[in-house]
Protein backbone atom coordinates (compact mmCIF):
# COMPACT_ATOMS: atom_id res chain seq x y z
CA MET A 1 113.37 91.03 81.76
CA LEU A 2 110.75 88.86 83.46
CA ALA A 3 113.42 87.43 85.76
CA ARG A 4 114.43 90.94 86.89
CA PHE A 5 110.80 91.82 87.51
CA ILE A 6 110.22 88.68 89.58
CA ALA A 7 113.46 89.29 91.51
CA SER A 8 112.36 92.85 92.28
CA LEU A 9 108.95 91.59 93.37
CA LEU A 10 110.57 89.04 95.69
CA LYS A 11 112.87 91.69 97.18
CA LEU A 12 109.93 94.01 97.75
CA THR A 13 107.98 91.18 99.40
CA ALA A 14 110.92 90.26 101.65
CA ALA A 15 111.48 93.88 102.68
CA SER A 16 107.76 94.34 103.41
CA LEU A 17 107.73 91.18 105.50
CA ALA A 18 110.80 92.28 107.47
CA VAL A 19 109.36 95.73 108.19
CA GLY A 20 105.99 94.20 109.09
CA VAL A 21 107.64 91.83 111.56
CA LEU A 22 109.64 94.66 113.14
CA LEU A 23 106.56 96.86 113.48
CA SER A 24 104.54 94.04 115.00
CA LEU A 25 107.34 93.38 117.51
CA ILE A 26 106.94 96.93 118.81
CA HIS A 27 103.14 96.58 118.72
CA ILE A 28 102.40 98.95 115.84
CA THR A 29 99.41 97.96 113.71
CA HIS A 30 98.13 99.18 110.36
CA ALA A 31 95.36 101.02 112.25
CA ASP A 32 98.00 102.89 114.27
CA VAL A 33 99.80 103.98 111.10
CA LEU A 34 96.54 105.13 109.50
CA ALA A 35 95.54 106.96 112.69
CA HIS A 36 98.81 108.88 112.47
CA PHE A 37 97.56 110.25 109.16
CA GLY A 38 94.10 110.91 110.58
CA MET A 39 92.36 108.00 108.87
CA THR A 40 90.51 104.89 109.94
CA PRO A 41 90.84 101.60 108.03
CA ASP A 42 87.29 102.12 106.67
CA GLN A 43 88.20 105.58 105.39
CA PHE A 44 91.31 104.16 103.75
CA VAL A 45 89.29 101.46 101.98
CA ASP A 46 86.75 104.08 100.84
CA MET A 47 89.59 106.24 99.49
CA LEU A 48 91.07 103.28 97.58
CA GLN A 49 87.66 102.41 96.12
CA HIS A 50 87.18 106.02 95.05
CA TRP A 51 90.54 106.10 93.25
CA VAL A 52 89.98 102.70 91.61
CA ASN A 53 86.52 103.78 90.42
CA TRP A 54 88.11 106.94 89.01
CA ALA A 55 91.13 105.23 87.40
CA ILE A 56 89.58 102.16 85.72
CA PRO A 57 87.48 104.09 83.17
CA LYS A 58 90.46 106.34 82.37
CA ILE A 59 92.72 103.32 81.83
CA GLY A 60 90.13 101.70 79.56
CA LEU A 61 89.69 104.87 77.53
CA GLY A 62 93.44 105.29 77.13
CA ALA A 63 93.79 101.65 76.11
CA PHE A 64 91.38 102.23 73.21
CA VAL A 65 94.00 104.57 71.75
CA VAL A 66 97.29 103.14 73.01
CA VAL A 67 96.79 99.41 72.27
CA PRO A 68 95.95 99.79 68.55
CA ILE A 69 98.92 102.15 68.08
CA TRP A 70 101.19 99.68 69.90
CA ILE A 71 99.93 96.81 67.73
CA LEU A 72 100.44 98.86 64.57
CA ILE A 73 103.99 99.79 65.56
CA SER A 74 104.75 96.16 66.49
CA VAL A 75 103.57 94.96 63.07
CA ILE A 76 105.38 97.65 61.08
CA ARG A 77 108.69 97.61 62.98
CA PRO A 78 111.28 95.19 61.58
CA PRO A 79 112.06 92.18 63.79
CA LYS A 80 115.03 92.41 66.15
CA SER A 81 117.98 90.17 65.41
CA LEU A 82 118.71 87.31 67.78
CA ASP A 83 122.47 88.09 67.88
C-alpha cells in the first residue's frame, strides 16, 4: 500500500514537472495563471491561509471523536491472517 502511494506521488511529481517545463517554455508563469482567474499571488496566499485557519480546528475537533473510535475498533477487531 505504501509503495502504491509513493509511486502515485512520484507520477504526480513527474507530471507536474513536465507541465511546468512546458508552460515555462511558452512563457506562462504562475502569476499569469492566477491573473486568468482574477487573482494575484498575494490574494491566493491569503485565500490559502484563510482555508487552513478554517480547516485545522475542524480537523482537530473531528480527530477527538474519530481517533478514539478507530483505536477501539482496532483493539476489538480480530487480527487478520497472514495467509
